[in-house]
Amino acid sequence: MSDDVRLGLIVGGAVAVLVAIVWRFAVLRRRRRRVGRGLEAQDPQERARAGIALVDGGLHRSARPLLAHVAREPDARVRHAIALAVARRQWEPVDSKQVTQLREWASLELEQQGEPVHGFGPAVTRLSDMGGPRLPGPSPAAPDPDPASPEPAPAREHDGVSWQAPDAGGSE
């Protein structure tokens, strides 16, 4: 391959990367403007939707504009919707001071509105803890069956695992 062809490929690749970077920044800027207009809308539902959409993009990205917005948001319903959206993203790592502040605000806001936020408990990792199949063996003591309730479905054996059909009462 000649030097001119090689140079042309390098320049062409660099131009393509530059165009991709400029395009990406233009898309992000357009999205920020659209969400910013939504946060400044007259309709409270539109402001709430814009806040939720901003949170859905990630707490790290949305913390700074949301903190600025909620400080001046007059409608408690909008603040409540945004705080719930933040609380739903408890799984996201805290990687900045703004994310910590946003979570603290959301927790306080929900408490003030009578809806306290509790952290998630430990993850359920065993299938049997989630109502899945149980291995044969001793089972915990079951309460006396209600004589008025129908008979539970019989257990089926498949590859050494007992599958019990859910009872009609919906309890396990």
N, C-alpha and C. Protein backbone atom coordinates (compact mmCIF):
# COMPACT_ATOMS: atom_id res chain seq x y z
N MET A 1 0.85 -1.16 0.00
CA MET A 1 0.00 0.00 0.00
C MET A 1 0.91 1.23 0.00
N SER A 2 0.56 2.17 -0.85
CA SER A 2 1.41 3.36 -0.95
C SER A 2 1.17 4.31 0.21
N ASP A 3 2.11 5.21 0.40
CA ASP A 3 2.01 6.17 1.50
C ASP A 3 0.82 7.10 1.34
N ASP A 4 0.49 7.45 0.08
CA ASP A 4 -0.64 8.35 -0.16
C ASP A 4 -1.96 7.69 0.24
N VAL A 5 -2.11 6.40 -0.06
CA VAL A 5 -3.34 5.68 0.30
C VAL A 5 -3.43 5.54 1.82
N ARG A 6 -2.33 5.20 2.43
CA ARG A 6 -2.30 5.06 3.89
C ARG A 6 -2.66 6.39 4.56
N LEU A 7 -2.08 7.48 4.08
CA LEU A 7 -2.37 8.80 4.64
C LEU A 7 -3.85 9.16 4.43
N GLY A 8 -4.38 8.82 3.27
CA GLY A 8 -5.79 9.08 2.98
C GLY A 8 -6.70 8.31 3.93
N LEU A 9 -6.38 7.06 4.23
CA LEU A 9 -7.19 6.26 5.16
C LEU A 9 -7.12 6.82 6.58
N ILE A 10 -5.95 7.25 6.99
CA ILE A 10 -5.79 7.83 8.33
C ILE A 10 -6.58 9.12 8.44
N VAL A 11 -6.47 10.00 7.45
CA VAL A 11 -7.20 11.26 7.48
C VAL A 11 -8.71 11.00 7.43
N GLY A 12 -9.13 10.07 6.57
CA GLY A 12 -10.55 9.72 6.48
C GLY A 12 -11.09 9.18 7.80
N GLY A 13 -10.32 8.33 8.47
CA GLY A 13 -10.73 7.79 9.77
C GLY A 13 -10.83 8.88 10.82
N ALA A 14 -9.85 9.79 10.83
CA ALA A 14 -9.86 10.89 11.80
C ALA A 14 -11.07 11.80 11.57
N VAL A 15 -11.39 12.08 10.31
CA VAL A 15 -12.56 12.90 9.99
C VAL A 15 -13.83 12.19 10.44
N ALA A 16 -13.94 10.89 10.22
CA ALA A 16 -15.13 10.14 10.63
C ALA A 16 -15.31 10.17 12.14
N VAL A 17 -14.20 10.01 12.88
CA VAL A 17 -14.28 10.07 14.34
C VAL A 17 -14.69 11.47 14.79
N LEU A 18 -14.15 12.50 14.18
CA LEU A 18 -14.50 13.87 14.53
C LEU A 18 -15.97 14.15 14.25
N VAL A 19 -16.48 13.68 13.12
CA VAL A 19 -17.89 13.86 12.78
C VAL A 19 -18.76 13.13 13.81
N ALA A 20 -18.38 11.94 14.22
CA ALA A 20 -19.16 11.19 15.21
C ALA A 20 -19.19 11.92 16.55
N ILE A 21 -18.08 12.48 16.97
CA ILE A 21 -18.01 13.21 18.24
C ILE A 21 -18.89 14.46 18.18
N VAL A 22 -18.80 15.22 17.09
CA VAL A 22 -19.61 16.42 16.94
C VAL A 22 -21.09 16.05 16.91
N TRP A 23 -21.45 14.99 16.21
CA TRP A 23 -22.84 14.53 16.14
C TRP A 23 -23.35 14.15 17.53
N ARG A 24 -22.54 13.45 18.29
CA ARG A 24 -22.95 13.03 19.64
C ARG A 24 -23.20 14.23 20.55
N PHE A 25 -22.31 15.21 20.50
CA PHE A 25 -22.51 16.41 21.32
C PHE A 25 -23.75 17.18 20.88
N ALA A 26 -24.02 17.21 19.58
CA ALA A 26 -25.21 17.90 19.09
C ALA A 26 -26.49 17.21 19.58
N VAL A 27 -26.50 15.88 19.57
CA VAL A 27 -27.66 15.13 20.06
C VAL A 27 -27.86 15.37 21.54
N LEU A 28 -26.80 15.34 22.32
CA LEU A 28 -26.91 15.57 23.76
C LEU A 28 -27.39 16.99 24.07
N ARG A 29 -26.90 17.95 23.32
CA ARG A 29 -27.31 19.33 23.53
C ARG A 29 -28.80 19.51 23.20
N ARG A 30 -29.23 18.91 22.11
CA ARG A 30 -30.64 18.98 21.72
C ARG A 30 -31.52 18.33 22.78
N ARG A 31 -31.09 17.18 23.31
CA ARG A 31 -31.85 16.47 24.34
C ARG A 31 -31.92 17.31 25.62
N ARG A 32 -30.81 17.93 26.01
CA ARG A 32 -30.81 18.77 27.21
C ARG A 32 -31.76 19.96 27.05
N ARG A 33 -31.75 20.56 25.86
CA ARG A 33 -32.66 21.69 25.62
C ARG A 33 -34.12 21.25 25.70
N ARG A 34 -34.43 20.09 25.13
CA ARG A 34 -35.80 19.58 25.14
C ARG A 34 -36.25 19.29 26.58
N VAL A 35 -35.38 18.66 27.37
CA VAL A 35 -35.73 18.37 28.76
C VAL A 35 -35.80 19.67 29.56
N GLY A 36 -34.91 20.60 29.28
CA GLY A 36 -34.95 21.90 29.96
C GLY A 36 -36.24 22.64 29.69
N ARG A 37 -36.71 22.59 28.44
CA ARG A 37 -38.00 23.20 28.12
C ARG A 37 -39.13 22.49 28.86
N GLY A 38 -39.02 21.17 28.98
CA GLY A 38 -40.04 20.42 29.71
C GLY A 38 -40.07 20.79 31.18
N LEU A 39 -38.91 21.02 31.78
CA LEU A 39 -38.85 21.40 33.20
C LEU A 39 -39.40 22.81 33.43
N GLU A 40 -39.38 23.64 32.41
CA GLU A 40 -39.87 25.01 32.54
C GLU A 40 -41.29 25.17 32.02
N ALA A 41 -41.94 24.09 31.64
CA ALA A 41 -43.29 24.15 31.08
C ALA A 41 -44.29 24.65 32.12
N GLN A 42 -45.42 25.16 31.64
CA GLN A 42 -46.48 25.62 32.53
C GLN A 42 -47.22 24.46 33.18
N ASP A 43 -47.39 23.38 32.43
CA ASP A 43 -48.15 22.23 32.90
C ASP A 43 -47.32 21.40 33.89
N PRO A 44 -47.83 21.18 35.12
CA PRO A 44 -47.07 20.41 36.11
C PRO A 44 -46.80 18.97 35.66
N GLN A 45 -47.74 18.36 34.94
CA GLN A 45 -47.50 17.00 34.48
C GLN A 45 -46.35 16.94 33.50
N GLU A 46 -46.25 17.96 32.67
CA GLU A 46 -45.14 18.00 31.71
C GLU A 46 -43.80 18.17 32.44
N ARG A 47 -43.81 19.01 33.48
CA ARG A 47 -42.58 19.18 34.28
C ARG A 47 -42.21 17.88 34.97
N ALA A 48 -43.20 17.17 35.51
CA ALA A 48 -42.93 15.89 36.18
C ALA A 48 -42.39 14.87 35.19
N ARG A 49 -43.00 14.80 34.01
CA ARG A 49 -42.50 13.86 32.99
C ARG A 49 -41.08 14.18 32.58
N ALA A 50 -40.77 15.47 32.43
CA ALA A 50 -39.41 15.87 32.06
C ALA A 50 -38.42 15.51 33.16
N GLY A 51 -38.81 15.71 34.41
CA GLY A 51 -37.94 15.35 35.52
C GLY A 51 -37.68 13.85 35.58
N ILE A 52 -38.73 13.07 35.37
CA ILE A 52 -38.59 11.61 35.38
C ILE A 52 -37.70 11.17 34.22
N ALA A 53 -37.90 11.77 33.05
CA ALA A 53 -37.06 11.43 31.89
C ALA A 53 -35.60 11.76 32.17
N LEU A 54 -35.38 12.86 32.85
CA LEU A 54 -34.01 13.24 33.18
C LEU A 54 -33.39 12.23 34.14
N VAL A 55 -34.14 11.81 35.15
CA VAL A 55 -33.64 10.81 36.10
C VAL A 55 -33.37 9.49 35.38
N ASP A 56 -34.24 9.13 34.44
CA ASP A 56 -34.07 7.87 33.72
C ASP A 56 -32.78 7.85 32.90
N GLY A 57 -32.23 9.01 32.60
CA GLY A 57 -30.95 9.07 31.90
C GLY A 57 -29.76 8.81 32.80
N GLY A 58 -30.00 8.67 34.09
CA GLY A 58 -28.92 8.39 35.04
C GLY A 58 -28.79 9.51 36.05
N LEU A 59 -28.60 9.13 37.30
CA LEU A 59 -28.50 10.13 38.36
C LEU A 59 -27.25 10.99 38.22
N HIS A 60 -26.16 10.39 37.78
CA HIS A 60 -24.92 11.16 37.64
C HIS A 60 -25.11 12.30 36.65
N ARG A 61 -25.80 12.02 35.55
CA ARG A 61 -26.01 13.05 34.53
C ARG A 61 -27.06 14.07 34.93
N SER A 62 -28.05 13.64 35.71
CA SER A 62 -29.19 14.52 35.97
C SER A 62 -29.13 15.24 37.31
N ALA A 63 -28.19 14.91 38.15
CA ALA A 63 -28.18 15.45 39.52
C ALA A 63 -28.11 16.98 39.53
N ARG A 64 -27.19 17.55 38.82
CA ARG A 64 -27.00 19.02 38.88
C ARG A 64 -28.24 19.77 38.38
N PRO A 65 -28.77 19.48 37.17
CA PRO A 65 -29.96 20.23 36.75
C PRO A 65 -31.19 19.96 37.61
N LEU A 66 -31.32 18.75 38.12
CA LEU A 66 -32.48 18.45 38.97
C LEU A 66 -32.40 19.19 40.31
N LEU A 67 -31.22 19.23 40.91
CA LEU A 67 -31.07 19.96 42.16
C LEU A 67 -31.42 21.44 41.96
N ALA A 68 -31.00 22.00 40.84
CA ALA A 68 -31.32 23.40 40.55
C ALA A 68 -32.82 23.57 40.35
N HIS A 69 -33.46 22.62 39.69
CA HIS A 69 -34.89 22.75 39.40
C HIS A 69 -35.74 22.55 40.64
N VAL A 70 -35.47 21.51 41.43
CA VAL A 70 -36.35 21.22 42.56
C VAL A 70 -36.26 22.30 43.64
N ALA A 71 -35.16 23.05 43.65
CA ALA A 71 -35.04 24.13 44.63
C ALA A 71 -36.06 25.24 44.37
N ARG A 72 -36.52 25.36 43.12
CA ARG A 72 -37.47 26.43 42.80
C ARG A 72 -38.81 25.89 42.29
N GLU A 73 -39.02 24.57 42.34
CA GLU A 73 -40.28 23.97 41.88
C GLU A 73 -41.39 24.25 42.89
N PRO A 74 -42.47 24.94 42.47
CA PRO A 74 -43.53 25.28 43.41
C PRO A 74 -44.54 24.15 43.66
N ASP A 75 -44.68 23.23 42.72
CA ASP A 75 -45.73 22.20 42.81
C ASP A 75 -45.21 20.97 43.55
N ALA A 76 -45.86 20.63 44.65
CA ALA A 76 -45.46 19.48 45.47
C ALA A 76 -45.61 18.17 44.69
N ARG A 77 -46.58 18.09 43.77
CA ARG A 77 -46.77 16.86 42.99
C ARG A 77 -45.59 16.61 42.06
N VAL A 78 -45.04 17.66 41.50
CA VAL A 78 -43.88 17.52 40.61
C VAL A 78 -42.68 17.08 41.43
N ARG A 79 -42.47 17.71 42.57
CA ARG A 79 -41.35 17.32 43.44
C ARG A 79 -41.51 15.86 43.88
N HIS A 80 -42.74 15.46 44.19
CA HIS A 80 -43.00 14.08 44.60
C HIS A 80 -42.67 13.10 43.48
N ALA A 81 -43.08 13.41 42.26
CA ALA A 81 -42.81 12.52 41.11
C ALA A 81 -41.30 12.39 40.88
N ILE A 82 -40.59 13.49 40.96
CA ILE A 82 -39.13 13.46 40.75
C ILE A 82 -38.46 12.70 41.89
N ALA A 83 -38.91 12.92 43.12
CA ALA A 83 -38.32 12.21 44.26
C ALA A 83 -38.56 10.71 44.15
N LEU A 84 -39.74 10.30 43.71
CA LEU A 84 -40.00 8.87 43.51
C LEU A 84 -39.09 8.28 42.43
N ALA A 85 -38.89 9.04 41.36
CA ALA A 85 -38.01 8.56 40.28
C ALA A 85 -36.58 8.38 40.80
N VAL A 86 -36.13 9.31 41.64
CA VAL A 86 -34.79 9.19 42.22
C VAL A 86 -34.73 7.98 43.15
N ALA A 87 -35.77 7.79 43.96
CA ALA A 87 -35.79 6.66 44.91
C ALA A 87 -35.80 5.32 44.19
N ARG A 88 -36.41 5.26 43.01
CA ARG A 88 -36.44 4.01 42.24
C ARG A 88 -35.07 3.61 41.73
N ARG A 89 -34.14 4.52 41.72
CA ARG A 89 -32.81 4.23 41.18
C ARG A 89 -31.80 4.00 42.30
N GLN A 90 -32.22 3.31 43.35
CA GLN A 90 -31.33 3.04 44.47
C GLN A 90 -30.17 2.14 44.07
N TRP A 91 -30.32 1.42 42.99
CA TRP A 91 -29.27 0.49 42.57
C TRP A 91 -28.08 1.21 41.95
N GLU A 92 -28.26 2.47 41.55
CA GLU A 92 -27.15 3.20 40.92
C GLU A 92 -26.10 3.55 41.95
N PRO A 93 -24.84 3.40 41.60
CA PRO A 93 -23.79 3.75 42.56
C PRO A 93 -23.73 5.26 42.79
N VAL A 94 -23.35 5.63 43.99
CA VAL A 94 -23.16 7.04 44.32
C VAL A 94 -21.73 7.38 43.95
N ASP A 95 -21.57 8.21 42.94
CA ASP A 95 -20.22 8.50 42.49
C ASP A 95 -19.91 9.99 42.48
N SER A 96 -20.81 10.81 43.02
CA SER A 96 -20.52 12.23 43.08
C SER A 96 -21.28 12.88 44.23
N LYS A 97 -20.83 14.05 44.60
CA LYS A 97 -21.47 14.80 45.68
C LYS A 97 -22.90 15.19 45.29
N GLN A 98 -23.10 15.53 44.01
CA GLN A 98 -24.44 15.93 43.56
C GLN A 98 -25.44 14.77 43.65
N VAL A 99 -25.01 13.55 43.33
CA VAL A 99 -25.90 12.40 43.43
C VAL A 99 -26.29 12.17 44.88
N THR A 100 -25.34 12.30 45.79
CA THR A 100 -25.63 12.16 47.21
C THR A 100 -26.63 13.22 47.66
N GLN A 101 -26.43 14.46 47.24
CA GLN A 101 -27.34 15.53 47.59
C GLN A 101 -28.74 15.30 47.01
N LEU A 102 -28.80 14.81 45.78
CA LEU A 102 -30.09 14.54 45.15
C LEU A 102 -30.83 13.44 45.89
N ARG A 103 -30.13 12.40 46.27
CA ARG A 103 -30.78 11.33 47.03
C ARG A 103 -31.24 11.81 48.40
N GLU A 104 -30.43 12.62 49.05
CA GLU A 104 -30.85 13.17 50.35
C GLU A 104 -32.09 14.04 50.19
N TRP A 105 -32.10 14.89 49.15
CA TRP A 105 -33.28 15.71 48.91
C TRP A 105 -34.51 14.84 48.67
N ALA A 106 -34.36 13.80 47.84
CA ALA A 106 -35.50 12.93 47.52
C ALA A 106 -36.04 12.25 48.77
N SER A 107 -35.15 11.78 49.62
CA SER A 107 -35.57 11.13 50.85
C SER A 107 -36.32 12.10 51.75
N LEU A 108 -35.79 13.30 51.92
CA LEU A 108 -36.45 14.31 52.76
C LEU A 108 -37.79 14.73 52.15
N GLU A 109 -37.82 14.90 50.85
CA GLU A 109 -39.06 15.30 50.18
C GLU A 109 -40.15 14.25 50.37
N LEU A 110 -39.78 13.00 50.19
CA LEU A 110 -40.78 11.93 50.35
C LEU A 110 -41.23 11.82 51.81
N GLU A 111 -40.32 12.02 52.74
CA GLU A 111 -40.71 11.99 54.16
C GLU A 111 -41.65 13.14 54.49
N GLN A 112 -41.37 14.33 53.96
CA GLN A 112 -42.22 15.48 54.21
C GLN A 112 -43.62 15.26 53.64
N GLN A 113 -43.70 14.51 52.56
CA GLN A 113 -45.00 14.26 51.94
C GLN A 113 -45.64 12.98 52.47
N GLY A 114 -45.06 12.42 53.54
CA GLY A 114 -45.67 11.27 54.20
C GLY A 114 -45.39 9.93 53.55
N GLU A 115 -44.31 9.83 52.80
CA GLU A 115 -43.96 8.58 52.14
C GLU A 115 -42.48 8.28 52.38
N PRO A 116 -42.17 7.67 53.53
CA PRO A 116 -40.76 7.41 53.84
C PRO A 116 -40.16 6.37 52.90
N VAL A 117 -38.88 6.52 52.63
CA VAL A 117 -38.17 5.60 51.75
C VAL A 117 -37.30 4.69 52.59
N HIS A 118 -37.40 3.41 52.35
CA HIS A 118 -36.58 2.43 53.04
C HIS A 118 -35.67 1.78 52.01
N GLY A 119 -34.45 1.52 52.38
CA GLY A 119 -33.53 0.84 51.48
C GLY A 119 -33.98 -0.58 51.21
N PHE A 120 -33.49 -1.13 50.14
CA PHE A 120 -33.83 -2.50 49.80
C PHE A 120 -33.15 -3.45 50.77
N GLY A 121 -33.80 -4.56 51.05
CA GLY A 121 -33.21 -5.59 51.89
C GLY A 121 -32.20 -6.40 51.09
N PRO A 122 -31.70 -7.46 51.69
CA PRO A 122 -30.73 -8.28 50.97
C PRO A 122 -31.37 -8.94 49.75
N ALA A 123 -30.56 -9.16 48.74
CA ALA A 123 -31.06 -9.78 47.51
C ALA A 123 -31.42 -11.23 47.77
N VAL A 124 -32.51 -11.66 47.16
CA VAL A 124 -32.91 -13.06 47.24
C VAL A 124 -32.14 -13.80 46.15
N THR A 125 -31.36 -14.79 46.55
CA THR A 125 -30.51 -15.45 45.58
C THR A 125 -30.87 -16.91 45.36
N ARG A 126 -31.66 -17.47 46.25
CA ARG A 126 -32.02 -18.88 46.07
C ARG A 126 -33.39 -18.95 45.42
N LEU A 127 -33.52 -19.81 44.42
CA LEU A 127 -34.76 -19.96 43.70
C LEU A 127 -35.89 -20.38 44.63
N SER A 128 -35.58 -21.22 45.62
CA SER A 128 -36.63 -21.68 46.53
C SER A 128 -37.14 -20.53 47.41
N ASP A 129 -36.31 -19.52 47.68
CA ASP A 129 -36.76 -18.38 48.46
C ASP A 129 -37.72 -17.50 47.67
N MET A 130 -37.70 -17.63 46.35
CA MET A 130 -38.57 -16.83 45.49
C MET A 130 -39.82 -17.59 45.09
N GLY A 131 -40.08 -18.74 45.73
CA GLY A 131 -41.28 -19.49 45.40
C GLY A 131 -41.06 -20.51 44.30
N GLY A 132 -39.80 -20.79 43.99
CA GLY A 132 -39.49 -21.74 42.92
C GLY A 132 -39.53 -23.18 43.42
N PRO A 133 -38.96 -24.09 42.65
CA PRO A 133 -39.02 -25.50 43.02
C PRO A 133 -38.27 -25.77 44.32
N ARG A 134 -38.72 -26.75 45.03
CA ARG A 134 -38.13 -27.14 46.31
C ARG A 134 -37.56 -28.55 46.18
N LEU A 135 -36.41 -28.76 46.75
CA LEU A 135 -35.83 -30.09 46.77
C LEU A 135 -36.58 -30.94 47.78
N PRO A 136 -36.71 -32.24 47.52
CA PRO A 136 -37.40 -33.08 48.50
C PRO A 136 -36.64 -33.08 49.81
N GLY A 137 -37.36 -33.16 50.87
CA GLY A 137 -36.74 -33.17 52.18
C GLY A 137 -37.70 -32.60 53.19
N PRO A 138 -37.20 -32.40 54.39
CA PRO A 138 -38.10 -31.88 55.41
C PRO A 138 -38.57 -30.48 55.03
N SER A 139 -39.84 -30.25 55.23
CA SER A 139 -40.40 -28.94 54.94
C SER A 139 -40.75 -28.27 56.25
N PRO A 140 -40.80 -26.95 56.26
CA PRO A 140 -41.17 -26.26 57.49
C PRO A 140 -42.59 -26.66 57.89
N ALA A 141 -42.85 -26.58 59.18
CA ALA A 141 -44.17 -26.96 59.68
C ALA A 141 -45.22 -26.08 59.05
N ALA A 142 -46.20 -26.71 58.41
CA ALA A 142 -47.28 -25.98 57.76
C ALA A 142 -48.44 -25.84 58.72
N PRO A 143 -49.18 -24.75 58.64
CA PRO A 143 -50.34 -24.60 59.50
C PRO A 143 -51.40 -25.63 59.11
N ASP A 144 -52.28 -25.92 60.05
CA ASP A 144 -53.36 -26.86 59.77
C ASP A 144 -54.18 -26.34 58.61
N PRO A 145 -54.48 -27.22 57.64
CA PRO A 145 -55.24 -26.76 56.49
C PRO A 145 -56.67 -26.41 56.89
N ASP A 146 -57.21 -25.44 56.19
CA ASP A 146 -58.59 -25.03 56.41
C ASP A 146 -59.49 -26.08 55.77
N PRO A 147 -60.42 -26.68 56.53
CA PRO A 147 -61.25 -27.73 55.95
C PRO A 147 -62.12 -27.23 54.81
N ALA A 148 -62.40 -25.94 54.73
CA ALA A 148 -63.25 -25.42 53.67
C ALA A 148 -62.47 -25.19 52.38
N SER A 149 -61.13 -25.16 52.45
CA SER A 149 -60.36 -24.89 51.24
C SER A 149 -60.21 -26.17 50.41
N PRO A 150 -60.06 -26.01 49.07
CA PRO A 150 -59.91 -27.19 48.21
C PRO A 150 -58.58 -27.88 48.45
N GLU A 151 -58.51 -29.13 48.05
CA GLU A 151 -57.28 -29.92 48.18
C GLU A 151 -56.18 -29.29 47.33
N PRO A 152 -54.94 -29.21 47.83
CA PRO A 152 -53.86 -28.69 46.98
C PRO A 152 -53.55 -29.69 45.87
N ALA A 153 -53.02 -29.15 44.79
CA ALA A 153 -52.67 -30.00 43.65
C ALA A 153 -51.51 -30.91 44.06
N PRO A 154 -51.49 -32.14 43.56
CA PRO A 154 -50.41 -33.05 43.93
C PRO A 154 -49.08 -32.59 43.34
N ALA A 155 -48.01 -32.93 44.04
CA ALA A 155 -46.67 -32.58 43.57
C ALA A 155 -46.28 -33.53 42.44
N ARG A 156 -45.53 -32.99 41.47
CA ARG A 156 -45.03 -33.81 40.37
C ARG A 156 -43.52 -33.96 40.53
N GLU A 157 -43.03 -35.12 40.22
CA GLU A 157 -41.59 -35.36 40.26
C GLU A 157 -41.02 -35.21 38.86
N HIS A 158 -39.95 -34.48 38.73
CA HIS A 158 -39.27 -34.33 37.44
C HIS A 158 -37.79 -34.17 37.73
N ASP A 159 -37.01 -35.11 37.29
CA ASP A 159 -35.56 -35.09 37.47
C ASP A 159 -35.17 -34.88 38.94
N GLY A 160 -35.91 -35.48 39.84
CA GLY A 160 -35.56 -35.42 41.25
C GLY A 160 -35.97 -34.14 41.96
N VAL A 161 -36.65 -33.22 41.26
CA VAL A 161 -37.09 -31.97 41.87
C VAL A 161 -38.60 -32.01 41.97
N SER A 162 -39.11 -31.67 43.12
CA SER A 162 -40.55 -31.68 43.35
C SER A 162 -41.12 -30.32 42.98
N TRP A 163 -42.11 -30.34 42.11
CA TRP A 163 -42.78 -29.11 41.69
C TRP A 163 -44.18 -29.13 42.29
N GLN A 164 -44.48 -28.16 43.10
CA GLN A 164 -45.79 -28.10 43.74
C GLN A 164 -46.58 -27.00 43.04
N ALA A 165 -47.79 -27.36 42.56
CA ALA A 165 -48.65 -26.35 41.94
C ALA A 165 -49.13 -25.39 43.01
N PRO A 166 -49.26 -24.10 42.69
CA PRO A 166 -49.72 -23.12 43.68
C PRO A 166 -51.14 -23.46 44.10
N ASP A 167 -51.41 -23.25 45.40
CA ASP A 167 -52.75 -23.54 45.88
C ASP A 167 -53.71 -22.45 45.46
N ALA A 168 -54.99 -22.74 45.55
CA ALA A 168 -56.02 -21.83 45.07
C ALA A 168 -56.10 -20.56 45.90
N GLY A 169 -55.67 -20.63 47.15
CA GLY A 169 -55.75 -19.46 48.02
C GLY A 169 -54.69 -18.44 47.74
N GLY A 170 -53.67 -18.79 46.96
CA GLY A 170 -52.61 -17.85 46.61
C GLY A 170 -51.53 -17.74 47.67
N SER A 171 -51.63 -18.51 48.78
CA SER A 171 -50.60 -18.42 49.81
C SER A 171 -49.66 -19.59 49.69
N GLU A 172 -48.47 -19.42 50.22
CA GLU A 172 -47.49 -20.50 50.16
C GLU A 172 -47.09 -20.89 51.53
